[in-house]
Amino acid sequence: MRLTRFTDVALRVLMRLAVVSGSEDPPTTREVAATMQVPYTHAAKVVARLQHLGLVDARRGRGGGLTLTEGGRSASIGGLVRELEGPGEVVDCDGDAPCPLRSACRLRSALRLAEEAFHASLDPITVADLVSSPTGPLLIGISTGRPAPA
């Protein structure tokens, strides 16, 4: 299974916001996009979706920026991937040229089971878990431009 670029960026944005300290100003969407090296327009769409899901608070203007909600910090990665990827099959058996095996094929159900096992393996992992050492200090170093603490 391969995640969409949207889901990849969303997870990285959540990870970046998870390491913001209380003493620093919340980063803007533009700053997060630059740190994560993604186009601003793509990051803005991701942030809007994360805000809609209640994972991120976004405030405009002076003193504004992005903050991770408590729900965002404790969100299951498996649940996030399911939500962001949406429903769908790993293979498209009913597409423009339907597969002639679809009525008696075991591959489709095997792939569905594999996809669920993939999600289930991510279910116990939270956003907070993803930023434990060594990832969190590295993210801090990237976002501030300073080397990560040793």
N, C-alpha and C. Protein backbone atom coordinates (compact mmCIF):
# COMPACT_ATOMS: atom_id res chain seq x y z
N MET A 1 0.84 -1.18 0.00
CA MET A 1 0.00 0.00 0.00
C MET A 1 0.89 1.24 0.00
N ARG A 2 0.44 2.24 -0.68
CA ARG A 2 1.19 3.49 -0.76
C ARG A 2 0.27 4.62 -0.34
N LEU A 3 0.74 5.47 0.58
CA LEU A 3 -0.05 6.61 1.03
C LEU A 3 -0.01 7.72 -0.02
N THR A 4 -1.09 8.46 -0.09
CA THR A 4 -1.11 9.62 -0.97
C THR A 4 -0.19 10.70 -0.41
N ARG A 5 0.22 11.59 -1.27
CA ARG A 5 1.06 12.73 -0.84
C ARG A 5 0.32 13.55 0.21
N PHE A 6 -0.99 13.68 0.07
CA PHE A 6 -1.80 14.44 1.02
C PHE A 6 -1.66 13.87 2.43
N THR A 7 -1.81 12.56 2.57
CA THR A 7 -1.69 11.91 3.88
C THR A 7 -0.28 12.05 4.43
N ASP A 8 0.71 11.88 3.59
CA ASP A 8 2.10 12.04 3.99
C ASP A 8 2.34 13.43 4.55
N VAL A 9 1.90 14.45 3.84
CA VAL A 9 2.10 15.83 4.29
C VAL A 9 1.32 16.08 5.58
N ALA A 10 0.10 15.57 5.68
CA ALA A 10 -0.70 15.74 6.89
C ALA A 10 0.00 15.17 8.11
N LEU A 11 0.54 13.98 7.97
CA LEU A 11 1.25 13.36 9.12
C LEU A 11 2.48 14.17 9.49
N ARG A 12 3.21 14.66 8.49
CA ARG A 12 4.40 15.47 8.79
C ARG A 12 4.04 16.82 9.41
N VAL A 13 2.94 17.42 8.99
CA VAL A 13 2.49 18.67 9.60
C VAL A 13 2.13 18.43 11.06
N LEU A 14 1.40 17.36 11.34
CA LEU A 14 1.04 17.04 12.72
C LEU A 14 2.28 16.81 13.57
N MET A 15 3.26 16.11 13.02
CA MET A 15 4.50 15.85 13.75
C MET A 15 5.22 17.17 14.05
N ARG A 16 5.28 18.06 13.06
CA ARG A 16 5.94 19.35 13.25
C ARG A 16 5.25 20.15 14.35
N LEU A 17 3.93 20.17 14.34
CA LEU A 17 3.19 20.92 15.35
C LEU A 17 3.30 20.29 16.74
N ALA A 18 3.54 18.99 16.79
CA ALA A 18 3.65 18.29 18.07
C ALA A 18 4.91 18.69 18.84
N VAL A 19 5.89 19.28 18.18
CA VAL A 19 7.13 19.65 18.87
C VAL A 19 7.24 21.15 19.14
N VAL A 20 6.17 21.89 18.88
CA VAL A 20 6.19 23.33 19.18
C VAL A 20 6.17 23.50 20.68
N SER A 21 7.13 24.26 21.19
CA SER A 21 7.18 24.50 22.64
C SER A 21 6.29 25.68 22.99
N GLY A 22 5.87 25.74 24.23
CA GLY A 22 5.02 26.83 24.69
C GLY A 22 5.69 28.18 24.64
N SER A 23 7.02 28.19 24.58
CA SER A 23 7.73 29.47 24.60
C SER A 23 7.90 30.08 23.21
N GLU A 24 7.64 29.33 22.16
CA GLU A 24 7.79 29.87 20.81
C GLU A 24 6.43 30.23 20.24
N ASP A 25 6.43 31.18 19.31
CA ASP A 25 5.19 31.55 18.63
C ASP A 25 4.74 30.38 17.78
N PRO A 26 3.44 30.14 17.70
CA PRO A 26 2.96 29.06 16.84
C PRO A 26 3.36 29.34 15.39
N PRO A 27 3.80 28.34 14.67
CA PRO A 27 4.20 28.55 13.27
C PRO A 27 2.97 28.80 12.39
N THR A 28 3.19 29.51 11.31
CA THR A 28 2.14 29.72 10.32
C THR A 28 2.14 28.56 9.33
N THR A 29 1.11 28.49 8.54
CA THR A 29 1.05 27.46 7.49
C THR A 29 2.24 27.61 6.55
N ARG A 30 2.57 28.85 6.21
CA ARG A 30 3.69 29.11 5.30
C ARG A 30 5.01 28.61 5.91
N GLU A 31 5.20 28.84 7.21
CA GLU A 31 6.43 28.39 7.88
C GLU A 31 6.50 26.86 7.94
N VAL A 32 5.39 26.24 8.24
CA VAL A 32 5.36 24.78 8.29
C VAL A 32 5.62 24.20 6.90
N ALA A 33 5.04 24.80 5.88
CA ALA A 33 5.27 24.34 4.51
C ALA A 33 6.75 24.43 4.15
N ALA A 34 7.38 25.54 4.52
CA ALA A 34 8.80 25.70 4.23
C ALA A 34 9.64 24.68 4.99
N THR A 35 9.32 24.47 6.25
CA THR A 35 10.06 23.50 7.07
C THR A 35 9.92 22.09 6.52
N MET A 36 8.71 21.74 6.10
CA MET A 36 8.45 20.39 5.60
C MET A 36 8.76 20.26 4.11
N GLN A 37 9.18 21.36 3.49
CA GLN A 37 9.55 21.40 2.08
C GLN A 37 8.43 20.90 1.16
N VAL A 38 7.24 21.48 1.39
CA VAL A 38 6.09 21.19 0.54
C VAL A 38 5.52 22.52 0.04
N PRO A 39 4.86 22.52 -1.10
CA PRO A 39 4.26 23.76 -1.61
C PRO A 39 3.24 24.32 -0.62
N TYR A 40 3.23 25.64 -0.49
CA TYR A 40 2.31 26.30 0.44
C TYR A 40 0.86 25.93 0.15
N THR A 41 0.46 25.92 -1.12
CA THR A 41 -0.94 25.63 -1.45
C THR A 41 -1.35 24.23 -1.00
N HIS A 42 -0.44 23.30 -1.12
CA HIS A 42 -0.72 21.93 -0.67
C HIS A 42 -0.83 21.89 0.86
N ALA A 43 0.11 22.56 1.54
CA ALA A 43 0.08 22.61 3.00
C ALA A 43 -1.20 23.29 3.49
N ALA A 44 -1.65 24.33 2.81
CA ALA A 44 -2.87 25.03 3.21
C ALA A 44 -4.09 24.11 3.12
N LYS A 45 -4.16 23.29 2.08
CA LYS A 45 -5.27 22.33 1.94
C LYS A 45 -5.21 21.29 3.06
N VAL A 46 -4.01 20.84 3.36
CA VAL A 46 -3.83 19.85 4.44
C VAL A 46 -4.26 20.45 5.77
N VAL A 47 -3.80 21.66 6.06
CA VAL A 47 -4.13 22.32 7.33
C VAL A 47 -5.65 22.51 7.44
N ALA A 48 -6.29 22.91 6.35
CA ALA A 48 -7.75 23.08 6.38
C ALA A 48 -8.44 21.77 6.73
N ARG A 49 -7.98 20.69 6.18
CA ARG A 49 -8.58 19.36 6.47
C ARG A 49 -8.32 18.96 7.93
N LEU A 50 -7.10 19.18 8.40
CA LEU A 50 -6.76 18.84 9.79
C LEU A 50 -7.56 19.69 10.77
N GLN A 51 -7.79 20.94 10.39
CA GLN A 51 -8.61 21.82 11.23
C GLN A 51 -10.05 21.32 11.25
N HIS A 52 -10.57 20.93 10.11
CA HIS A 52 -11.93 20.39 10.01
C HIS A 52 -12.08 19.14 10.88
N LEU A 53 -11.03 18.34 10.97
CA LEU A 53 -11.07 17.12 11.78
C LEU A 53 -10.86 17.40 13.27
N GLY A 54 -10.59 18.65 13.62
CA GLY A 54 -10.39 19.01 15.02
C GLY A 54 -9.01 18.68 15.56
N LEU A 55 -8.05 18.46 14.68
CA LEU A 55 -6.71 18.08 15.10
C LEU A 55 -5.79 19.29 15.23
N VAL A 56 -6.11 20.37 14.53
CA VAL A 56 -5.29 21.57 14.49
C VAL A 56 -6.17 22.79 14.70
N ASP A 57 -5.69 23.74 15.48
CA ASP A 57 -6.31 25.05 15.58
C ASP A 57 -5.51 26.00 14.73
N ALA A 58 -6.18 26.77 13.90
CA ALA A 58 -5.51 27.75 13.04
C ALA A 58 -6.10 29.12 13.33
N ARG A 59 -5.23 30.05 13.69
CA ARG A 59 -5.67 31.42 13.98
C ARG A 59 -4.95 32.37 13.05
N ARG A 60 -5.70 33.31 12.51
CA ARG A 60 -5.14 34.29 11.59
C ARG A 60 -4.70 35.54 12.35
N GLY A 61 -3.87 36.31 11.67
CA GLY A 61 -3.50 37.63 12.19
C GLY A 61 -2.40 37.59 13.22
N ARG A 62 -2.20 38.75 13.83
CA ARG A 62 -1.15 38.92 14.84
C ARG A 62 -1.38 37.94 15.99
N GLY A 63 -0.34 37.23 16.37
CA GLY A 63 -0.46 36.24 17.44
C GLY A 63 -1.11 34.95 16.97
N GLY A 64 -1.34 34.84 15.67
CA GLY A 64 -1.97 33.64 15.15
C GLY A 64 -0.95 32.56 14.85
N GLY A 65 -1.41 31.54 14.19
CA GLY A 65 -0.55 30.42 13.83
C GLY A 65 -1.28 29.12 14.02
N LEU A 66 -0.54 28.05 13.93
CA LEU A 66 -1.11 26.71 14.03
C LEU A 66 -0.72 26.06 15.34
N THR A 67 -1.68 25.45 15.99
CA THR A 67 -1.39 24.67 17.19
C THR A 67 -2.08 23.32 17.08
N LEU A 68 -1.45 22.34 17.64
CA LEU A 68 -2.00 20.99 17.68
C LEU A 68 -2.96 20.90 18.85
N THR A 69 -4.14 20.37 18.61
CA THR A 69 -5.09 20.18 19.70
C THR A 69 -4.70 18.94 20.51
N GLU A 70 -5.30 18.79 21.66
CA GLU A 70 -5.02 17.59 22.45
C GLU A 70 -5.48 16.35 21.70
N GLY A 71 -6.61 16.47 20.98
CA GLY A 71 -7.07 15.37 20.14
C GLY A 71 -6.08 15.04 19.03
N GLY A 72 -5.43 16.06 18.50
CA GLY A 72 -4.41 15.85 17.47
C GLY A 72 -3.19 15.14 18.03
N ARG A 73 -2.80 15.51 19.24
CA ARG A 73 -1.62 14.89 19.87
C ARG A 73 -1.86 13.41 20.15
N SER A 74 -3.09 13.06 20.53
CA SER A 74 -3.38 11.68 20.91
C SER A 74 -4.02 10.87 19.78
N ALA A 75 -4.12 11.45 18.60
CA ALA A 75 -4.77 10.78 17.47
C ALA A 75 -3.99 9.53 17.05
N SER A 76 -4.74 8.49 16.75
CA SER A 76 -4.16 7.24 16.26
C SER A 76 -3.72 7.41 14.82
N ILE A 77 -2.52 6.97 14.51
CA ILE A 77 -2.02 7.07 13.14
C ILE A 77 -2.85 6.19 12.21
N GLY A 78 -3.23 5.02 12.67
CA GLY A 78 -4.08 4.16 11.85
C GLY A 78 -5.41 4.82 11.52
N GLY A 79 -6.03 5.45 12.52
CA GLY A 79 -7.29 6.16 12.30
C GLY A 79 -7.12 7.33 11.35
N LEU A 80 -6.01 8.05 11.51
CA LEU A 80 -5.74 9.18 10.62
C LEU A 80 -5.55 8.72 9.17
N VAL A 81 -4.80 7.66 9.00
CA VAL A 81 -4.56 7.16 7.64
C VAL A 81 -5.88 6.72 7.02
N ARG A 82 -6.71 6.01 7.78
CA ARG A 82 -8.02 5.60 7.26
C ARG A 82 -8.84 6.82 6.84
N GLU A 83 -8.88 7.83 7.72
CA GLU A 83 -9.68 9.03 7.46
C GLU A 83 -9.16 9.82 6.27
N LEU A 84 -7.86 10.01 6.20
CA LEU A 84 -7.28 10.84 5.14
C LEU A 84 -7.24 10.13 3.79
N GLU A 85 -7.03 8.83 3.81
CA GLU A 85 -7.00 8.08 2.55
C GLU A 85 -8.40 7.84 2.02
N GLY A 86 -9.38 7.76 2.90
CA GLY A 86 -10.76 7.53 2.47
C GLY A 86 -10.99 6.09 2.06
N PRO A 87 -12.24 5.78 1.78
CA PRO A 87 -12.56 4.40 1.38
C PRO A 87 -12.04 4.12 -0.02
N GLY A 88 -11.78 2.89 -0.26
CA GLY A 88 -11.32 2.49 -1.58
C GLY A 88 -10.57 1.18 -1.52
N GLU A 89 -10.42 0.60 -2.64
CA GLU A 89 -9.74 -0.68 -2.77
C GLU A 89 -8.27 -0.46 -3.14
N VAL A 90 -7.42 -1.39 -2.78
CA VAL A 90 -6.01 -1.32 -3.17
C VAL A 90 -5.89 -1.46 -4.68
N VAL A 91 -6.74 -2.30 -5.26
CA VAL A 91 -6.76 -2.47 -6.72
C VAL A 91 -8.15 -2.10 -7.23
N ASP A 92 -8.21 -1.64 -8.45
CA ASP A 92 -9.48 -1.27 -9.06
C ASP A 92 -9.92 -2.37 -10.01
N CYS A 93 -10.73 -3.27 -9.47
CA CYS A 93 -11.19 -4.42 -10.27
C CYS A 93 -12.35 -4.06 -11.19
N ASP A 94 -13.02 -2.94 -10.91
CA ASP A 94 -14.22 -2.58 -11.65
C ASP A 94 -14.02 -1.32 -12.49
N GLY A 95 -12.80 -0.97 -12.81
CA GLY A 95 -12.49 0.26 -13.52
C GLY A 95 -12.97 0.28 -14.96
N ASP A 96 -12.31 1.10 -15.77
CA ASP A 96 -12.68 1.25 -17.19
C ASP A 96 -12.63 -0.09 -17.92
N ALA A 97 -11.64 -0.90 -17.58
CA ALA A 97 -11.55 -2.24 -18.17
C ALA A 97 -11.66 -3.24 -17.03
N PRO A 98 -12.90 -3.61 -16.66
CA PRO A 98 -13.08 -4.51 -15.51
C PRO A 98 -12.29 -5.81 -15.66
N CYS A 99 -11.77 -6.27 -14.54
CA CYS A 99 -10.98 -7.50 -14.54
C CYS A 99 -11.89 -8.70 -14.80
N PRO A 100 -11.52 -9.58 -15.70
CA PRO A 100 -12.36 -10.75 -15.99
C PRO A 100 -12.40 -11.76 -14.85
N LEU A 101 -11.49 -11.64 -13.88
CA LEU A 101 -11.45 -12.57 -12.76
C LEU A 101 -12.28 -12.10 -11.56
N ARG A 102 -12.83 -10.91 -11.61
CA ARG A 102 -13.42 -10.29 -10.42
C ARG A 102 -14.51 -11.12 -9.75
N SER A 103 -15.23 -11.92 -10.45
CA SER A 103 -16.31 -12.68 -9.83
C SER A 103 -15.79 -13.87 -9.01
N ALA A 104 -14.57 -14.31 -9.26
CA ALA A 104 -14.04 -15.47 -8.54
C ALA A 104 -12.61 -15.25 -8.05
N CYS A 105 -12.23 -14.02 -7.88
CA CYS A 105 -10.84 -13.70 -7.53
C CYS A 105 -10.63 -13.65 -6.02
N ARG A 106 -9.56 -14.23 -5.57
CA ARG A 106 -9.21 -14.19 -4.16
C ARG A 106 -8.21 -13.07 -3.84
N LEU A 107 -7.63 -12.51 -4.87
CA LEU A 107 -6.63 -11.45 -4.66
C LEU A 107 -7.26 -10.23 -3.99
N ARG A 108 -8.42 -9.82 -4.44
CA ARG A 108 -9.07 -8.63 -3.90
C ARG A 108 -9.29 -8.75 -2.39
N SER A 109 -9.79 -9.88 -1.93
CA SER A 109 -10.03 -10.04 -0.49
C SER A 109 -8.72 -10.17 0.27
N ALA A 110 -7.72 -10.79 -0.33
CA ALA A 110 -6.41 -10.90 0.33
C ALA A 110 -5.80 -9.51 0.50
N LEU A 111 -5.92 -8.67 -0.51
CA LEU A 111 -5.40 -7.31 -0.42
C LEU A 111 -6.17 -6.47 0.58
N ARG A 112 -7.48 -6.69 0.67
CA ARG A 112 -8.30 -5.99 1.67
C ARG A 112 -7.85 -6.37 3.08
N LEU A 113 -7.58 -7.65 3.31
CA LEU A 113 -7.08 -8.10 4.62
C LEU A 113 -5.71 -7.51 4.92
N ALA A 114 -4.85 -7.45 3.92
CA ALA A 114 -3.52 -6.87 4.11
C ALA A 114 -3.61 -5.38 4.43
N GLU A 115 -4.51 -4.69 3.78
CA GLU A 115 -4.70 -3.26 4.05
C GLU A 115 -5.18 -3.05 5.48
N GLU A 116 -6.11 -3.86 5.93
CA GLU A 116 -6.61 -3.74 7.30
C GLU A 116 -5.52 -4.07 8.31
N ALA A 117 -4.68 -5.05 8.01
CA ALA A 117 -3.55 -5.37 8.90
C ALA A 117 -2.58 -4.19 8.96
N PHE A 118 -2.37 -3.52 7.84
CA PHE A 118 -1.53 -2.33 7.79
C PHE A 118 -2.08 -1.26 8.73
N HIS A 119 -3.38 -0.96 8.60
CA HIS A 119 -4.00 0.04 9.46
C HIS A 119 -3.96 -0.39 10.93
N ALA A 120 -4.26 -1.65 11.18
CA ALA A 120 -4.28 -2.15 12.56
C ALA A 120 -2.90 -2.02 13.21
N SER A 121 -1.84 -2.20 12.44
CA SER A 121 -0.49 -2.07 13.01
C SER A 121 -0.18 -0.62 13.37
N LEU A 122 -0.87 0.32 12.74
CA LEU A 122 -0.68 1.74 13.04
C LEU A 122 -1.63 2.26 14.12
N ASP A 123 -2.68 1.52 14.43
CA ASP A 123 -3.69 1.98 15.39
C ASP A 123 -3.13 2.36 16.76
N PRO A 124 -2.22 1.59 17.36
CA PRO A 124 -1.76 1.96 18.70
C PRO A 124 -0.75 3.12 18.72
N ILE A 125 -0.29 3.56 17.57
CA ILE A 125 0.71 4.63 17.50
C ILE A 125 0.00 5.97 17.41
N THR A 126 0.43 6.92 18.24
CA THR A 126 -0.17 8.26 18.23
C THR A 126 0.81 9.27 17.63
N VAL A 127 0.30 10.46 17.35
CA VAL A 127 1.15 11.54 16.86
C VAL A 127 2.24 11.81 17.89
N ALA A 128 1.89 11.83 19.17
CA ALA A 128 2.89 12.06 20.23
C ALA A 128 3.99 11.00 20.19
N ASP A 129 3.62 9.76 19.92
CA ASP A 129 4.63 8.69 19.83
C ASP A 129 5.62 8.94 18.70
N LEU A 130 5.13 9.51 17.60
CA LEU A 130 5.99 9.72 16.43
C LEU A 130 7.08 10.76 16.66
N VAL A 131 6.89 11.62 17.66
CA VAL A 131 7.89 12.68 17.87
C VAL A 131 8.76 12.44 19.10
N SER A 132 8.72 11.22 19.62
CA SER A 132 9.66 10.91 20.70
C SER A 132 11.06 10.83 20.10
N SER A 133 12.06 10.87 20.95
CA SER A 133 13.45 10.89 20.49
C SER A 133 13.73 9.66 19.63
N PRO A 134 14.43 9.81 18.54
CA PRO A 134 15.24 10.94 18.08
C PRO A 134 14.50 11.89 17.14
N THR A 135 13.25 11.58 16.78
CA THR A 135 12.55 12.39 15.79
C THR A 135 12.24 13.80 16.28
N GLY A 136 11.71 13.92 17.49
CA GLY A 136 11.32 15.22 18.02
C GLY A 136 12.46 16.23 18.02
N PRO A 137 13.61 15.87 18.60
CA PRO A 137 14.73 16.82 18.58
C PRO A 137 15.18 17.19 17.17
N LEU A 138 15.11 16.23 16.25
CA LEU A 138 15.47 16.54 14.87
C LEU A 138 14.48 17.53 14.26
N LEU A 139 13.19 17.34 14.51
CA LEU A 139 12.18 18.27 14.02
C LEU A 139 12.38 19.66 14.60
N ILE A 140 12.72 19.74 15.86
CA ILE A 140 12.98 21.03 16.48
C ILE A 140 14.15 21.73 15.81
N GLY A 141 15.20 20.96 15.54
CA GLY A 141 16.37 21.53 14.86
C GLY A 141 16.05 22.01 13.46
N ILE A 142 15.24 21.25 12.74
CA ILE A 142 14.86 21.63 11.38
C ILE A 142 14.04 22.92 11.40
N SER A 143 13.11 23.00 12.34
CA SER A 143 12.19 24.13 12.36
C SER A 143 12.84 25.42 12.85
N THR A 144 13.86 25.30 13.69
CA THR A 144 14.50 26.49 14.22
C THR A 144 15.77 26.85 13.45
N GLY A 145 16.25 25.90 12.65
CA GLY A 145 17.49 26.13 11.94
C GLY A 145 18.71 25.88 12.81
N ARG A 146 18.48 25.43 14.04
CA ARG A 146 19.58 25.11 14.95
C ARG A 146 19.75 23.60 14.99
N PRO A 147 20.99 23.14 15.23
CA PRO A 147 21.19 21.68 15.32
C PRO A 147 20.39 21.09 16.47
N ALA A 148 19.99 19.85 16.30
CA ALA A 148 19.26 19.15 17.35
C ALA A 148 20.18 18.96 18.55
N PRO A 149 19.62 19.05 19.78
CA PRO A 149 20.45 18.81 20.96
C PRO A 149 21.00 17.40 20.96
N ALA A 150 22.21 17.26 21.46
CA ALA A 150 22.86 15.93 21.48
C ALA A 150 22.36 15.08 22.59
